[in-house]
């Protein structure tokens, strides 16, 4: 599967790995976060792919949030290719087929949390830059994001928050 640009792409029904990747550590849970997440030892966010015409995967269970991020990023960077996933499992399946350059990920989603997915992404694809774009601004979430090697941008989704996300992606 390839991602043409500039379009928003949505796929469903792709296979998802059943087991966590090798090298995971015991899961850690917090009563403030929906379900357990696994911490991973991952390298710092340092992209190795060129930033000309990058692919951004937008992962959020809210269709409205995905649409807003896609529109605002499209306004700022019309040459970026955009893809969408409605949950973490769908995102991981899409990444198996064509790893994006960048990922915007919500934390609280049905099934696997965005923190868990971000850790898996960074472990298997350390060159992918990941931003958690979420309303869940608790210290535990920020610390978990830092340990997973991902950046944090607080919702609500506004032109300013998306500009911060784009600036991080381009650092």
Protein backbone atom coordinates (compact mmCIF):
# COMPACT_ATOMS: atom_id res chain seq x y z
CA UNK A 1 0.00 0.00 0.00
CA UNK A 2 1.31 3.44 -0.79
CA UNK A 3 0.05 6.82 0.34
CA UNK A 4 -0.46 9.37 -2.42
CA UNK A 5 -0.39 12.98 -1.45
CA UNK A 6 -1.86 15.33 -0.54
CA UNK A 7 -4.88 13.25 0.51
CA UNK A 8 -6.32 11.83 3.68
CA UNK A 9 -6.32 8.05 3.51
CA UNK A 10 -8.22 5.61 5.69
CA UNK A 11 -7.84 1.83 5.70
CA UNK A 12 -9.46 -0.84 7.81
CA UNK A 13 -9.13 -4.55 8.40
CA UNK A 14 -5.36 -4.83 8.19
CA UNK A 15 -3.65 -7.53 10.29
CA UNK A 16 -2.29 -6.47 13.66
CA UNK A 17 0.59 -8.22 15.47
CA UNK A 18 -0.84 -10.33 18.29
CA UNK A 19 2.11 -10.14 20.67
CA UNK A 20 4.12 -7.19 21.96
CA UNK A 21 7.56 -6.75 20.42
CA UNK A 22 10.63 -8.42 21.88
CA UNK A 23 12.34 -6.41 24.61
CA UNK A 24 9.24 -5.11 26.36
CA UNK A 25 9.30 -4.64 30.09
CA UNK A 26 6.52 -5.47 32.56
CA UNK A 27 3.48 -3.26 32.12
CA UNK A 28 2.84 -0.32 34.40
CA UNK A 29 -0.63 1.02 35.06
CA UNK A 30 -2.00 4.17 36.60
CA UNK A 31 -5.54 4.78 37.86
CA UNK A 32 -5.48 8.10 35.97
CA UNK A 33 -4.86 6.47 32.58
CA UNK A 34 -7.26 4.16 30.76
CA UNK A 35 -5.67 0.72 31.06
CA UNK A 36 -2.08 -0.47 31.25
CA UNK A 37 0.74 0.75 29.08
CA UNK A 38 4.16 -0.70 28.58
CA UNK A 39 7.33 1.32 28.99
CA UNK A 40 10.02 0.86 26.38
CA UNK A 41 13.66 1.79 26.29
CA UNK A 42 13.78 3.71 23.04
CA UNK A 43 16.28 6.07 21.46
CA UNK A 44 15.65 9.81 21.34
CA UNK A 45 13.40 11.17 18.61
CA UNK A 46 15.90 11.73 15.80
CA UNK A 47 14.49 11.38 12.31
CA UNK A 48 16.62 9.88 9.58
CA UNK A 49 14.09 10.23 6.76
CA UNK A 50 14.09 13.38 4.65
CA UNK A 51 11.39 15.92 5.45
CA UNK A 52 10.52 16.63 1.83
CA UNK A 53 6.98 15.32 1.31
CA UNK A 54 6.79 13.41 4.63
CA UNK A 55 3.90 11.11 5.54
CA UNK A 56 2.02 12.10 8.72
CA UNK A 57 -0.21 9.45 10.31
CA UNK A 58 -2.97 11.04 12.43
CA UNK A 59 -4.27 8.62 15.09
CA UNK A 60 -7.33 9.61 17.10
CA UNK A 61 -10.64 7.91 17.87
CA UNK A 62 -12.40 11.25 17.28
CA UNK A 63 -13.12 11.77 13.59
CA UNK A 64 -13.51 15.49 14.27
CA UNK A 65 -10.03 15.67 15.84
CA UNK A 66 -8.51 13.82 12.87
CA UNK A 67 -10.25 16.16 10.44
CA UNK A 68 -9.13 19.28 12.31
CA UNK A 69 -5.50 18.14 12.52
CA UNK A 70 -5.52 17.16 8.84
CA UNK A 71 -6.98 20.51 7.77
CA UNK A 72 -4.60 22.59 9.91
CA UNK A 73 -1.52 20.59 8.90
CA UNK A 74 -2.67 20.76 5.26
CA UNK A 75 -2.90 24.54 5.53
CA UNK A 76 0.59 24.78 7.05
CA UNK A 77 2.32 22.10 4.95
CA UNK A 78 0.34 21.34 1.78
CA UNK A 79 3.16 19.11 0.47
CA UNK A 80 2.86 16.67 3.42
CA UNK A 81 1.03 13.42 2.76
CA UNK A 82 -1.62 12.58 5.38
CA UNK A 83 -3.11 9.29 6.54
CA UNK A 84 -5.60 8.56 9.32
CA UNK A 85 -6.24 5.76 11.79
CA UNK A 86 -9.16 5.59 14.24
CA UNK A 87 -7.29 3.59 16.88
CA UNK A 88 -3.88 2.29 17.88
CA UNK A 89 -4.33 -1.18 16.39
CA UNK A 90 -5.22 0.28 13.00
CA UNK A 91 -2.22 2.63 13.20
CA UNK A 92 0.21 -0.21 13.98
CA UNK A 93 -1.16 -2.23 11.06
CA UNK A 94 -0.75 0.73 8.69
CA UNK A 95 2.81 1.30 9.91
CA UNK A 96 3.68 -2.33 9.10
CA UNK A 97 2.74 -1.66 5.46
CA UNK A 98 4.30 1.78 5.03
CA UNK A 99 6.03 3.45 7.98
CA UNK A 100 5.21 7.15 8.14
CA UNK A 101 7.77 9.83 8.85
CA UNK A 102 5.61 11.39 11.57
CA UNK A 103 2.77 10.32 13.88
CA UNK A 104 0.24 12.43 15.80
CA UNK A 105 -1.34 10.17 18.43
CA UNK A 106 -4.17 10.61 20.95
CA UNK A 107 -3.65 8.91 24.34
CA UNK A 108 -7.14 7.84 25.44
CA UNK A 109 -8.63 5.58 22.76
CA UNK A 110 -10.62 2.35 22.86
CA UNK A 111 -8.44 -0.74 23.02
CA UNK A 112 -4.72 -0.02 23.18
CA UNK A 113 -3.75 3.37 24.61
CA UNK A 114 -1.80 5.87 22.56
CA UNK A 115 1.08 5.57 25.04
CA UNK A 116 1.32 1.83 24.44
CA UNK A 117 1.16 2.31 20.67
CA UNK A 118 3.75 5.12 20.77
CA UNK A 119 6.14 2.86 22.68
CA UNK A 120 5.70 0.06 20.14
CA UNK A 121 6.17 2.45 17.23
CA UNK A 122 9.36 3.92 18.68
CA UNK A 123 10.76 0.49 19.54
CA UNK A 124 10.23 -0.94 16.05
CA UNK A 125 10.77 2.31 14.12
CA UNK A 126 12.98 4.65 16.18
CA UNK A 127 13.28 7.12 13.29
CA UNK A 128 9.54 7.91 13.33
CA UNK A 129 8.83 11.15 15.19
CA UNK A 130 5.80 10.82 17.47
CA UNK A 131 3.72 13.53 19.13
CA UNK A 132 1.03 12.75 21.68
CA UNK A 133 -1.73 15.26 20.98
CA UNK A 134 -4.14 14.78 23.87
CA UNK A 135 -6.38 16.45 26.43
CA UNK A 136 -4.94 14.07 29.06
CA UNK A 137 -2.36 16.46 30.55
CA UNK A 138 -1.63 14.62 33.80
CA UNK A 139 1.97 14.43 35.00
CA UNK A 140 1.90 10.62 34.74
CA UNK A 141 1.04 10.92 31.03
CA UNK A 142 3.79 13.49 30.41
CA UNK A 143 6.37 11.31 32.21
CA UNK A 144 5.27 8.19 30.33
CA UNK A 145 5.49 10.08 27.02
CA UNK A 146 9.01 11.24 27.87
CA UNK A 147 10.08 7.68 28.76
CA UNK A 148 8.64 6.41 25.47
CA UNK A 149 10.71 9.01 23.58
CA UNK A 150 7.74 11.00 22.29
CA UNK A 151 6.80 14.69 22.43
CA UNK A 152 3.63 16.05 24.03
CA UNK A 153 1.21 18.70 22.70
CA UNK A 154 -1.95 19.47 24.71
CA UNK A 155 -5.40 19.64 23.16
CA UNK A 156 -7.66 21.39 22.31
CA UNK A 157 -6.67 21.28 18.68
CA UNK A 158 -6.04 24.85 17.62
CA UNK A 159 -3.87 26.46 14.95
CA UNK A 160 -1.34 27.17 17.73
CA UNK A 161 -1.21 23.57 19.04
CA UNK A 162 -0.86 22.18 15.52
CA UNK A 163 1.86 24.76 14.77
CA UNK A 164 3.76 23.50 17.86
CA UNK A 165 3.38 19.94 16.64
CA UNK A 166 4.64 20.82 13.14
CA UNK A 167 7.56 22.78 14.65
CA UNK A 168 8.57 19.74 16.71
CA UNK A 169 8.36 17.50 13.65
CA UNK A 170 10.66 19.87 11.75
CA UNK A 171 13.30 20.29 14.53
